[in-house]
Amino acid sequence: MQEYIKFKVKGNAIMTTEPTTSTNSAGETEATPHIVRYTLLSCQMCMPKWMTDKDALKKVEELNECGTTGGWILSDIDIQRVPCEKYAGNVHMLFDC
């Protein structure tokens, strides 16, 4: 089975299927890193909040290869890590290509 099969279309965005979850040491539900949505020039990844920016950049490229020479970069916004409403142990980050 090819990796891209796990994506499904929902409205204007492509969404992933449900990630694997576990409980972290703080008792919060934590999900494996997964792409929540993406467009041609940006994407949003849900990931455990303990992941570093370097880890996040490596993982987002692994999950959704950018296809440009520079790859994904962190979006230039004021708030980089937004708490996930669904998984208490996760945050959302935005990336641009």
PDB file of N, CA and C in Angstrom:
ATOM      1  N   MET A   1       0.855  -1.178   0.000  1.00  0.00           N
ATOM      2  CA  MET A   1       0.000   0.000   0.000  1.00  0.00           C
ATOM      3  C   MET A   1       0.898   1.237   0.000  1.00  0.00           C
ATOM      4  N   GLN A   2       0.601   2.185  -0.836  1.00  0.00           N
ATOM      5  CA  GLN A   2       1.384   3.404  -0.942  1.00  0.00           C
ATOM      6  C   GLN A   2       1.066   4.366   0.201  1.00  0.00           C
ATOM      7  N   GLU A   3       2.060   5.183   0.589  1.00  0.00           N
ATOM      8  CA  GLU A   3       1.925   6.140   1.687  1.00  0.00           C
ATOM      9  C   GLU A   3       0.788   7.139   1.453  1.00  0.00           C
ATOM     10  N   TYR A   4       0.600   7.609   0.209  1.00  0.00           N
ATOM     11  CA  TYR A   4      -0.388   8.647  -0.069  1.00  0.00           C
ATOM     12  C   TYR A   4      -1.825   8.188   0.118  1.00  0.00           C
ATOM     13  N   ILE A   5      -2.069   6.917   0.235  1.00  0.00           N
ATOM     14  CA  ILE A   5      -3.436   6.414   0.378  1.00  0.00           C
ATOM     15  C   ILE A   5      -4.058   6.846   1.711  1.00  0.00           C
ATOM     16  N   LYS A   6      -3.234   7.163   2.710  1.00  0.00           N
ATOM     17  CA  LYS A   6      -3.780   7.544   4.006  1.00  0.00           C
ATOM     18  C   LYS A   6      -4.445   8.921   4.004  1.00  0.00           C
ATOM     19  N   PHE A   7      -4.302   9.683   2.914  1.00  0.00           N
ATOM     20  CA  PHE A   7      -4.928  10.994   2.832  1.00  0.00           C
ATOM     21  C   PHE A   7      -6.324  10.896   2.243  1.00  0.00           C
ATOM     22  N   LYS A   8      -7.209  11.768   2.696  1.00  0.00           N
ATOM     23  CA  LYS A   8      -8.551  11.854   2.125  1.00  0.00           C
ATOM     24  C   LYS A   8      -8.906  13.323   1.934  1.00  0.00           C
ATOM     25  N   VAL A   9      -9.734  13.619   0.977  1.00  0.00           N
ATOM     26  CA  VAL A   9     -10.124  14.999   0.691  1.00  0.00           C
ATOM     27  C   VAL A   9     -11.304  15.386   1.558  1.00  0.00           C
ATOM     28  N   LYS A  10     -11.237  16.578   2.157  1.00  0.00           N
ATOM     29  CA  LYS A  10     -12.336  17.118   2.961  1.00  0.00           C
ATOM     30  C   LYS A  10     -12.427  18.597   2.638  1.00  0.00           C
ATOM     31  N   GLY A  11     -13.413  18.970   1.848  1.00  0.00           N
ATOM     32  CA  GLY A  11     -13.539  20.375   1.433  1.00  0.00           C
ATOM     33  C   GLY A  11     -12.371  20.759   0.556  1.00  0.00           C
ATOM     34  N   ASN A  12     -11.684  21.844   0.913  1.00  0.00           N
ATOM     35  CA  ASN A  12     -10.542  22.339   0.149  1.00  0.00           C
ATOM     36  C   ASN A  12      -9.230  21.710   0.569  1.00  0.00           C
ATOM     37  N   ALA A  13      -9.216  21.005   1.679  1.00  0.00           N
ATOM     38  CA  ALA A  13      -7.966  20.498   2.236  1.00  0.00           C
ATOM     39  C   ALA A  13      -7.886  18.981   2.137  1.00  0.00           C
ATOM     40  N   ILE A  14      -6.699  18.486   2.240  1.00  0.00           N
ATOM     41  CA  ILE A  14      -6.483  17.045   2.296  1.00  0.00           C
ATOM     42  C   ILE A  14      -6.149  16.717   3.743  1.00  0.00           C
ATOM     43  N   MET A  15      -6.861  15.775   4.307  1.00  0.00           N
ATOM     44  CA  MET A  15      -6.706  15.432   5.717  1.00  0.00           C
ATOM     45  C   MET A  15      -6.141  14.021   5.849  1.00  0.00           C
ATOM     46  N   THR A  16      -5.429  13.763   6.922  1.00  0.00           N
ATOM     47  CA  THR A  16      -4.944  12.413   7.164  1.00  0.00           C
ATOM     48  C   THR A  16      -5.989  11.633   7.947  1.00  0.00           C
ATOM     49  N   THR A  17      -5.814  10.342   7.970  1.00  0.00           N
ATOM     50  CA  THR A  17      -6.664   9.497   8.800  1.00  0.00           C
ATOM     51  C   THR A  17      -6.228   9.667  10.251  1.00  0.00           C
ATOM     52  N   GLU A  18      -6.934   9.048  11.158  1.00  0.00           N
ATOM     53  CA  GLU A  18      -6.636   9.201  12.583  1.00  0.00           C
ATOM     54  C   GLU A  18      -5.250   8.656  12.930  1.00  0.00           C
ATOM     55  N   PRO A  19      -4.475   9.389  13.736  1.00  0.00           N
ATOM     56  CA  PRO A  19      -3.145   8.937  14.147  1.00  0.00           C
ATOM     57  C   PRO A  19      -3.234   7.934  15.305  1.00  0.00           C
ATOM     58  N   THR A  20      -2.118   7.346  15.642  1.00  0.00           N
ATOM     59  CA  THR A  20      -2.021   6.474  16.807  1.00  0.00           C
ATOM     60  C   THR A  20      -1.931   7.347  18.054  1.00  0.00           C
ATOM     61  N   THR A  21      -2.625   6.984  19.119  1.00  0.00           N
ATOM     62  CA  THR A  21      -2.595   7.779  20.344  1.00  0.00           C
ATOM     63  C   THR A  21      -2.039   6.975  21.511  1.00  0.00           C
ATOM     64  N   SER A  22      -1.554   7.709  22.508  1.00  0.00           N
ATOM     65  CA  SER A  22      -1.062   7.113  23.749  1.00  0.00           C
ATOM     66  C   SER A  22      -1.229   8.155  24.848  1.00  0.00           C
ATOM     67  N   THR A  23      -0.908   7.784  26.075  1.00  0.00           N
ATOM     68  CA  THR A  23      -0.968   8.719  27.195  1.00  0.00           C
ATOM     69  C   THR A  23       0.450   9.040  27.622  1.00  0.00           C
ATOM     70  N   ASN A  24       0.774  10.341  27.715  1.00  0.00           N
ATOM     71  CA  ASN A  24       2.128  10.725  28.111  1.00  0.00           C
ATOM     72  C   ASN A  24       2.274  10.719  29.628  1.00  0.00           C
ATOM     73  N   SER A  25       3.467  11.070  30.128  1.00  0.00           N
ATOM     74  CA  SER A  25       3.745  11.014  31.568  1.00  0.00           C
ATOM     75  C   SER A  25       2.902  12.002  32.377  1.00  0.00           C
ATOM     76  N   ALA A  26       2.382  13.041  31.722  1.00  0.00           N
ATOM     77  CA  ALA A  26       1.526  14.021  32.408  1.00  0.00           C
ATOM     78  C   ALA A  26       0.063  13.590  32.402  1.00  0.00           C
ATOM     79  N   GLY A  27      -0.224  12.419  31.826  1.00  0.00           N
ATOM     80  CA  GLY A  27      -1.594  11.922  31.767  1.00  0.00           C
ATOM     81  C   GLY A  27      -2.417  12.495  30.627  1.00  0.00           C
ATOM     82  N   GLU A  28      -1.756  13.184  29.682  1.00  0.00           N
ATOM     83  CA  GLU A  28      -2.455  13.783  28.543  1.00  0.00           C
ATOM     84  C   GLU A  28      -2.462  12.816  27.355  1.00  0.00           C
ATOM     85  N   THR A  29      -3.529  12.878  26.570  1.00  0.00           N
ATOM     86  CA  THR A  29      -3.578  12.093  25.346  1.00  0.00           C
ATOM     87  C   THR A  29      -2.651  12.729  24.324  1.00  0.00           C
ATOM     88  N   GLU A  30      -1.785  11.900  23.750  1.00  0.00           N
ATOM     89  CA  GLU A  30      -0.789  12.371  22.798  1.00  0.00           C
ATOM     90  C   GLU A  30      -0.928  11.547  21.520  1.00  0.00           C
ATOM     91  N   ALA A  31      -0.881  12.205  20.381  1.00  0.00           N
ATOM     92  CA  ALA A  31      -1.002  11.521  19.094  1.00  0.00           C
ATOM     93  C   ALA A  31       0.322  11.568  18.340  1.00  0.00           C
ATOM     94  N   THR A  32       0.537  10.582  17.496  1.00  0.00           N
ATOM     95  CA  THR A  32       1.732  10.581  16.656  1.00  0.00           C
ATOM     96  C   THR A  32       1.658  11.765  15.690  1.00  0.00           C
ATOM     97  N   PRO A  33       2.804  12.290  15.258  1.00  0.00           N
ATOM     98  CA  PRO A  33       2.787  13.419  14.318  1.00  0.00           C
ATOM     99  C   PRO A  33       2.008  13.073  13.056  1.00  0.00           C
ATOM    100  N   HIS A  34       1.178  14.013  12.619  1.00  0.00           N
ATOM    101  CA  HIS A  34       0.397  13.794  11.404  1.00  0.00           C
ATOM    102  C   HIS A  34       0.035  15.139  10.784  1.00  0.00           C
ATOM    103  N   ILE A  35      -0.108  15.135   9.460  1.00  0.00           N
ATOM    104  CA  ILE A  35      -0.495  16.342   8.737  1.00  0.00           C
ATOM    105  C   ILE A  35      -1.997  16.519   8.894  1.00  0.00           C
ATOM    106  N   VAL A  36      -2.399  17.676   9.378  1.00  0.00           N
ATOM    107  CA  VAL A  36      -3.820  17.963   9.577  1.00  0.00           C
ATOM    108  C   VAL A  36      -4.430  18.483   8.280  1.00  0.00           C
ATOM    109  N   ARG A  37      -3.720  19.397   7.625  1.00  0.00           N
ATOM    110  CA  ARG A  37      -4.175  19.911   6.324  1.00  0.00           C
ATOM    111  C   ARG A  37      -2.997  20.538   5.598  1.00  0.00           C
ATOM    112  N   TYR A  38      -3.135  20.599   4.294  1.00  0.00           N
ATOM    113  CA  TYR A  38      -2.106  21.292   3.531  1.00  0.00           C
ATOM    114  C   TYR A  38      -2.664  21.843   2.237  1.00  0.00           C
ATOM    115  N   THR A  39      -1.967  22.858   1.745  1.00  0.00           N
ATOM    116  CA  THR A  39      -2.267  23.457   0.455  1.00  0.00           C
ATOM    117  C   THR A  39      -0.996  23.339  -0.375  1.00  0.00           C
ATOM    118  N   LEU A  40      -0.987  23.924  -1.531  1.00  0.00           N
ATOM    119  CA  LEU A  40       0.183  23.847  -2.393  1.00  0.00           C
ATOM    120  C   LEU A  40       1.423  24.457  -1.744  1.00  0.00           C
ATOM    121  N   LEU A  41       1.246  25.540  -0.977  1.00  0.00           N
ATOM    122  CA  LEU A  41       2.392  26.264  -0.425  1.00  0.00           C
ATOM    123  C   LEU A  41       2.521  26.231   1.092  1.00  0.00           C
ATOM    124  N   SER A  42       1.620  25.551   1.786  1.00  0.00           N
ATOM    125  CA  SER A  42       1.709  25.494   3.244  1.00  0.00           C
ATOM    126  C   SER A  42       1.103  24.197   3.772  1.00  0.00           C
ATOM    127  N   CYS A  43       1.434  23.871   5.005  1.00  0.00           N
ATOM    128  CA  CYS A  43       0.800  22.723   5.641  1.00  0.00           C
ATOM    129  C   CYS A  43       0.794  22.918   7.149  1.00  0.00           C
ATOM    130  N   GLN A  44      -0.069  22.168   7.817  1.00  0.00           N
ATOM    131  CA  GLN A  44      -0.216  22.231   9.265  1.00  0.00           C
ATOM    132  C   GLN A  44      -0.026  20.823   9.807  1.00  0.00           C
ATOM    133  N   MET A  45       0.850  20.691  10.800  1.00  0.00           N
ATOM    134  CA  MET A  45       1.108  19.387  11.393  1.00  0.00           C
ATOM    135  C   MET A  45       0.725  19.402  12.862  1.00  0.00           C
ATOM    136  N   CYS A  46       0.060  18.342  13.310  1.00  0.00           N
ATOM    137  CA  CYS A  46      -0.243  18.117  14.714  1.00  0.00           C
ATOM    138  C   CYS A  46       0.850  17.180  15.225  1.00  0.00           C
ATOM    139  N   MET A  47       1.467  17.549  16.347  1.00  0.00           N
ATOM    140  CA  MET A  47       2.596  16.767  16.854  1.00  0.00           C
ATOM    141  C   MET A  47       2.684  16.863  18.360  1.00  0.00           C
ATOM    142  N   PRO A  48       3.350  15.908  19.014  1.00  0.00           N
ATOM    143  CA  PRO A  48       3.541  15.993  20.456  1.00  0.00           C
ATOM    144  C   PRO A  48       4.277  17.279  20.816  1.00  0.00           C
ATOM    145  N   LYS A  49       3.866  17.921  21.903  1.00  0.00           N
ATOM    146  CA  LYS A  49       4.448  19.222  22.239  1.00  0.00           C
ATOM    147  C   LYS A  49       5.901  19.159  22.676  1.00  0.00           C
ATOM    148  N   TRP A  50       6.416  17.988  22.985  1.00  0.00           N
ATOM    149  CA  TRP A  50       7.827  17.863  23.370  1.00  0.00           C
ATOM    150  C   TRP A  50       8.764  17.894  22.170  1.00  0.00           C
ATOM    151  N   MET A  51       8.253  17.759  20.945  1.00  0.00           N
ATOM    152  CA  MET A  51       9.118  17.767  19.752  1.00  0.00           C
ATOM    153  C   MET A  51       9.741  19.144  19.550  1.00  0.00           C
ATOM    154  N   THR A  52      11.010  19.163  19.170  1.00  0.00           N
ATOM    155  CA  THR A  52      11.699  20.424  18.909  1.00  0.00           C
ATOM    156  C   THR A  52      11.352  20.913  17.496  1.00  0.00           C
ATOM    157  N   ASP A  53      11.685  22.165  17.214  1.00  0.00           N
ATOM    158  CA  ASP A  53      11.462  22.702  15.867  1.00  0.00           C
ATOM    159  C   ASP A  53      12.230  21.886  14.830  1.00  0.00           C
ATOM    160  N   LYS A  54      13.456  21.487  15.175  1.00  0.00           N
ATOM    161  CA  LYS A  54      14.282  20.689  14.267  1.00  0.00           C
ATOM    162  C   LYS A  54      13.609  19.342  13.988  1.00  0.00           C
ATOM    163  N   ASP A  55      13.099  18.695  15.050  1.00  0.00           N
ATOM    164  CA  ASP A  55      12.383  17.423  14.890  1.00  0.00           C
ATOM    165  C   ASP A  55      11.146  17.615  14.006  1.00  0.00           C
ATOM    166  N   ALA A  56      10.439  18.719  14.239  1.00  0.00           N
ATOM    167  CA  ALA A  56       9.206  19.001  13.495  1.00  0.00           C
ATOM    168  C   ALA A  56       9.493  19.188  12.003  1.00  0.00           C
ATOM    169  N   LEU A  57      10.543  19.932  11.677  1.00  0.00           N
ATOM    170  CA  LEU A  57      10.904  20.156  10.271  1.00  0.00           C
ATOM    171  C   LEU A  57      11.275  18.846   9.574  1.00  0.00           C
ATOM    172  N   LYS A  58      11.985  17.992  10.281  1.00  0.00           N
ATOM    173  CA  LYS A  58      12.367  16.699   9.718  1.00  0.00           C
ATOM    174  C   LYS A  58      11.125  15.827   9.498  1.00  0.00           C
ATOM    175  N   LYS A  59      10.221  15.818  10.481  1.00  0.00           N
ATOM    176  CA  LYS A  59       9.030  14.966  10.399  1.00  0.00           C
ATOM    177  C   LYS A  59       8.051  15.450   9.336  1.00  0.00           C
ATOM    178  N   VAL A  60       7.842  16.765   9.232  1.00  0.00           N
ATOM    179  CA  VAL A  60       6.890  17.283   8.238  1.00  0.00           C
ATOM    180  C   VAL A  60       7.381  16.962   6.825  1.00  0.00           C
ATOM    181  N   GLU A  61       8.685  17.019   6.612  1.00  0.00           N
ATOM    182  CA  GLU A  61       9.232  16.683   5.297  1.00  0.00           C
ATOM    183  C   GLU A  61       9.066  15.187   5.014  1.00  0.00           C
ATOM    184  N   GLU A  62       9.182  14.390   6.064  1.00  0.00           N
ATOM    185  CA  GLU A  62       9.003  12.934   5.934  1.00  0.00           C
ATOM    186  C   GLU A  62       7.545  12.575   5.617  1.00  0.00           C
ATOM    187  N   LEU A  63       6.612  13.256   6.276  1.00  0.00           N
ATOM    188  CA  LEU A  63       5.189  12.967   6.089  1.00  0.00           C
ATOM    189  C   LEU A  63       4.616  13.556   4.808  1.00  0.00           C
ATOM    190  N   ASN A  64       5.128  14.721   4.417  1.00  0.00           N
ATOM    191  CA  ASN A  64       4.587  15.427   3.264  1.00  0.00           C
ATOM    192  C   ASN A  64       5.733  16.145   2.558  1.00  0.00           C
ATOM    193  N   GLU A  65       6.440  15.435   1.690  1.00  0.00           N
ATOM    194  CA  GLU A  65       7.596  16.008   1.017  1.00  0.00           C
ATOM    195  C   GLU A  65       7.215  17.285   0.279  1.00  0.00           C
ATOM    196  N   CYS A  66       7.956  18.339   0.556  1.00  0.00           N
ATOM    197  CA  CYS A  66       7.656  19.659   0.002  1.00  0.00           C
ATOM    198  C   CYS A  66       7.841  19.711  -1.514  1.00  0.00           C
ATOM    199  N   GLY A  67       8.931  19.156  -2.001  1.00  0.00           N
ATOM    200  CA  GLY A  67       9.173  19.161  -3.437  1.00  0.00           C
ATOM    201  C   GLY A  67       9.953  20.362  -3.936  1.00  0.00           C
ATOM    202  N   THR A  68      10.335  21.274  -3.035  1.00  0.00           N
ATOM    203  CA  THR A  68      11.152  22.412  -3.438  1.00  0.00           C
ATOM    204  C   THR A  68      12.565  22.222  -2.895  1.00  0.00           C
ATOM    205  N   THR A  69      13.507  22.969  -3.439  1.00  0.00           N
ATOM    206  CA  THR A  69      14.904  22.855  -3.014  1.00  0.00           C
ATOM    207  C   THR A  69      15.064  23.164  -1.526  1.00  0.00           C
ATOM    208  N   GLY A  70      14.371  24.181  -1.039  1.00  0.00           N
ATOM    209  CA  GLY A  70      14.500  24.586   0.360  1.00  0.00           C
ATOM    210  C   GLY A  70      13.695  23.757   1.333  1.00  0.00           C
ATOM    211  N   GLY A  71      12.733  22.993   0.854  1.00  0.00           N
ATOM    212  CA  GLY A  71      11.883  22.199   1.739  1.00  0.00           C
ATOM    213  C   GLY A  71      10.953  23.072   2.570  1.00  0.00           C
ATOM    214  N   TRP A  72      10.352  22.487   3.580  1.00  0.00           N
ATOM    215  CA  TRP A  72       9.448  23.224   4.467  1.00  0.00           C
ATOM    216  C   TRP A  72      10.247  24.086   5.435  1.00  0.00           C
ATOM    217  N   ILE A  73       9.693  25.250   5.775  1.00  0.00           N
ATOM    218  CA  ILE A  73      10.248  26.132   6.805  1.00  0.00           C
ATOM    219  C   ILE A  73       9.120  26.492   7.756  1.00  0.00           C
ATOM    220  N   LEU A  74       9.466  26.918   8.957  1.00  0.00           N
ATOM    221  CA  LEU A  74       8.446  27.351   9.908  1.00  0.00           C
ATOM    222  C   LEU A  74       7.782  28.613   9.381  1.00  0.00           C
ATOM    223  N   SER A  75       6.464  28.697   9.487  1.00  0.00           N
ATOM    224  CA  SER A  75       5.742  29.893   9.035  1.00  0.00           C
ATOM    225  C   SER A  75       6.142  31.096   9.858  1.00  0.00           C
ATOM    226  N   ASP A  76       6.140  32.247   9.233  1.00  0.00           N
ATOM    227  CA  ASP A  76       6.505  33.497   9.898  1.00  0.00           C
ATOM    228  C   ASP A  76       5.263  34.095  10.552  1.00  0.00           C
ATOM    229  N   ILE A  77       4.866  33.522  11.683  1.00  0.00           N
ATOM    230  CA  ILE A  77       3.709  34.020  12.428  1.00  0.00           C
ATOM    231  C   ILE A  77       4.113  34.246  13.877  1.00  0.00           C
ATOM    232  N   ASP A  78       3.320  35.019  14.597  1.00  0.00           N
ATOM    233  CA  ASP A  78       3.641  35.347  15.996  1.00  0.00           C
ATOM    234  C   ASP A  78       3.577  34.134  16.917  1.00  0.00           C
ATOM    235  N   ILE A  79       2.542  33.329  16.782  1.00  0.00           N
ATOM    236  CA  ILE A  79       2.368  32.167  17.656  1.00  0.00           C
ATOM    237  C   ILE A  79       2.689  30.922  16.844  1.00  0.00           C
ATOM    238  N   GLN A  80       3.790  30.266  17.162  1.00  0.00           N
ATOM    239  CA  GLN A  80       4.217  29.100  16.397  1.00  0.00           C
ATOM    240  C   GLN A  80       3.510  27.819  16.825  1.00  0.00           C
ATOM    241  N   ARG A  81       3.326  27.614  18.104  1.00  0.00           N
ATOM    242  CA  ARG A  81       2.742  26.366  18.608  1.00  0.00           C
ATOM    243  C   ARG A  81       1.377  26.639  19.228  1.00  0.00           C
ATOM    244  N   VAL A  82       0.365  26.096  18.599  1.00  0.00           N
ATOM    245  CA  VAL A  82      -1.007  26.292  19.069  1.00  0.00           C
ATOM    246  C   VAL A  82      -1.493  24.981  19.682  1.00  0.00           C
ATOM    247  N   PRO A  83      -1.998  25.005  20.928  1.00  0.00           N
ATOM    248  CA  PRO A  83      -2.476  23.767  21.548  1.00  0.00           C
ATOM    249  C   PRO A  83      -3.542  23.083  20.686  1.00  0.00           C
ATOM    250  N   CYS A  84      -3.452  21.776  20.599  1.00  0.00           N
ATOM    251  CA  CYS A  84      -4.421  20.991  19.838  1.00  0.00           C
ATOM    252  C   CYS A  84      -5.688  20.825  20.675  1.00  0.00           C
ATOM    253  N   GLU A  85      -6.836  21.030  20.064  1.00  0.00           N
ATOM    254  CA  GLU A  85      -8.115  20.888  20.773  1.00  0.00           C
ATOM    255  C   GLU A  85      -8.485  19.423  20.992  1.00  0.00           C
ATOM    256  N   LYS A  86      -7.980  18.550  20.133  1.00  0.00           N
ATOM    257  CA  LYS A  86      -8.359  17.138  20.204  1.00  0.00           C
ATOM    258  C   LYS A  86      -7.428  16.313  21.096  1.00  0.00           C
ATOM    259  N   TYR A  87      -6.124  16.610  21.044  1.00  0.00           N
ATOM    260  CA  TYR A  87      -5.130  15.858  21.815  1.00  0.00           C
ATOM    261  C   TYR A  87      -4.384  16.815  22.741  1.00  0.00           C
ATOM    262  N   ALA A  88      -4.603  16.688  24.043  1.00  0.00           N
ATOM    263  CA  ALA A  88      -4.034  17.618  25.024  1.00  0.00           C
ATOM    264  C   ALA A  88      -2.507  17.638  25.021  1.00  0.00           C
ATOM    265  N   GLY A  89      -1.868  16.547  24.626  1.00  0.00           N
ATOM    266  CA  GLY A  89      -0.410  16.473  24.616  1.00  0.00           C
ATOM    267  C   GLY A  89       0.216  16.937  23.314  1.00  0.00           C
ATOM    268  N   ASN A  90      -0.595  17.510  22.426  1.00  0.00           N
ATOM    269  CA  ASN A  90      -0.097  17.922  21.107  1.00  0.00           C
ATOM    270  C   ASN A  90      -0.257  19.412  20.860  1.00  0.00           C
ATOM    271  N   VAL A  91       0.488  19.892  19.879  1.00  0.00           N
ATOM    272  CA  VAL A  91       0.378  21.271  19.397  1.00  0.00           C
ATOM    273  C   VAL A  91       0.308  21.226  17.870  1.00  0.00           C
ATOM    274  N   HIS A  92      -0.160  22.317  17.261  1.00  0.00           N
ATOM    275  CA  HIS A  92      -0.192  22.443  15.814  1.00  0.00           C
ATOM    276  C   HIS A  92       0.866  23.471  15.406  1.00  0.00           C
ATOM    277  N   MET A  93       1.575  23.168  14.330  1.00  0.00           N
ATOM    278  CA  MET A  93       2.551  24.106  13.773  1.00  0.00           C
ATOM    279  C   MET A  93       2.281  24.281  12.295  1.00  0.00           C
ATOM    280  N   LEU A  94       2.535  25.489  11.798  1.00  0.00           N
ATOM    281  CA  LEU A  94       2.344  25.801  10.378  1.00  0.00           C
ATOM    282  C   LEU A  94       3.706  25.866   9.682  1.00  0.00           C
ATOM    283  N   PHE A  95       3.743  25.373   8.453  1.00  0.00           N
ATOM    284  CA  PHE A  95       4.963  25.364   7.655  1.00  0.00           C
ATOM    285  C   PHE A  95       4.661  25.931   6.268  1.00  0.00           C
ATOM    286  N   ASP A  96       5.630  26.634   5.705  1.00  0.00           N
ATOM    287  CA  ASP A  96       5.550  27.173   4.357  1.00  0.00           C
ATOM    288  C   ASP A  96       6.667  26.566   3.523  1.00  0.00           C
ATOM    289  N   CYS A  97       6.485  26.581   2.205  1.00  0.00           N
ATOM    290  CA  CYS A  97       7.574  26.092   1.352  1.00  0.00           C
ATOM    291  C   CYS A  97       8.214  27.258   0.629  1.00  0.00           C
TER     292      CYS A  97
END
